[in-house]
Amino acid sequence: MSALQSIKCPHCRKEAPLAGNPYRPFCSQRCKMIDLGAWATDDYRIPGEKAPEKDEDYED
């Protein structure tokens, strides 16, 4: 049984080592931060219904 030595970076698709890589599964801090920024700016979204603006069960 051979162990997986590297994976493709989810952002740039470059081969990235698994062992000793602090940015895993990304190849670099740059790719990791680009991905984080995409989540922060809503470029990535998880499909689903939009949440209600106000909780109907909550009374002020």
Protein backbone atom coordinates (compact mmCIF):
# COMPACT_ATOMS: atom_id res chain seq x y z
CA MET A 1 0.00 0.00 0.00
CA SER A 2 1.56 3.33 -1.06
CA ALA A 3 0.88 6.54 0.81
CA LEU A 4 -0.34 9.62 -0.99
CA GLN A 5 2.70 11.90 -1.41
CA SER A 6 1.11 15.00 -2.92
CA ILE A 7 -2.19 16.52 -3.96
CA LYS A 8 -3.27 19.24 -6.37
CA CYS A 9 -3.83 22.65 -4.80
CA PRO A 10 -7.57 23.43 -4.90
CA HIS A 11 -6.84 26.97 -6.10
CA CYS A 12 -3.99 26.84 -8.65
CA ARG A 13 -3.98 23.06 -9.32
CA LYS A 14 -0.18 22.88 -8.76
CA GLU A 15 1.14 19.73 -7.08
CA ALA A 16 1.56 20.31 -3.32
CA PRO A 17 3.28 17.96 -0.86
CA LEU A 18 1.19 16.54 1.95
CA ALA A 19 3.95 15.89 4.48
CA GLY A 20 5.31 18.96 6.21
CA ASN A 21 3.06 21.39 4.33
CA PRO A 22 1.59 23.92 6.80
CA TYR A 23 -0.81 25.22 4.11
CA ARG A 24 -2.28 21.82 3.25
CA PRO A 25 -4.36 21.26 1.10
CA PHE A 26 -3.06 24.42 -0.58
CA CYS A 27 0.42 24.78 -2.05
CA SER A 28 1.19 28.12 -0.40
CA GLN A 29 -0.04 30.78 1.98
CA ARG A 30 -1.02 32.86 -1.06
CA CYS A 31 -3.45 30.22 -2.36
CA LYS A 32 -4.81 29.67 1.14
CA MET A 33 -5.51 33.40 1.60
CA ILE A 34 -7.10 33.74 -1.85
CA ASP A 35 -9.47 30.91 -0.94
CA LEU A 36 -10.27 32.47 2.45
CA GLY A 37 -10.94 35.81 0.77
CA ALA A 38 -13.35 34.16 -1.67
CA TRP A 39 -15.38 32.78 1.25
CA ALA A 40 -15.31 36.15 3.03
CA THR A 41 -16.65 38.01 -0.02
CA ASP A 42 -19.36 35.41 -0.72
CA ASP A 43 -17.74 34.22 -3.96
CA TYR A 44 -18.33 30.71 -2.62
CA ARG A 45 -21.76 29.82 -1.34
CA ILE A 46 -23.38 26.71 0.02
CA PRO A 47 -26.71 26.12 -1.74
CA GLY A 48 -29.82 26.47 0.36
CA GLU A 49 -32.74 28.67 1.20
CA LYS A 50 -32.10 32.25 2.22
CA ALA A 51 -32.32 32.79 5.98
CA PRO A 52 -35.19 35.01 7.16
CA GLU A 53 -34.28 38.63 7.88
CA LYS A 54 -35.98 38.61 11.30
CA ASP A 55 -36.72 35.70 13.62
CA GLU A 56 -40.52 35.51 13.75
CA ASP A 57 -40.51 33.71 17.11
CA TYR A 58 -38.38 36.39 18.77
CA GLU A 59 -40.13 39.29 20.45
CA ASP A 60 -38.36 42.56 21.28
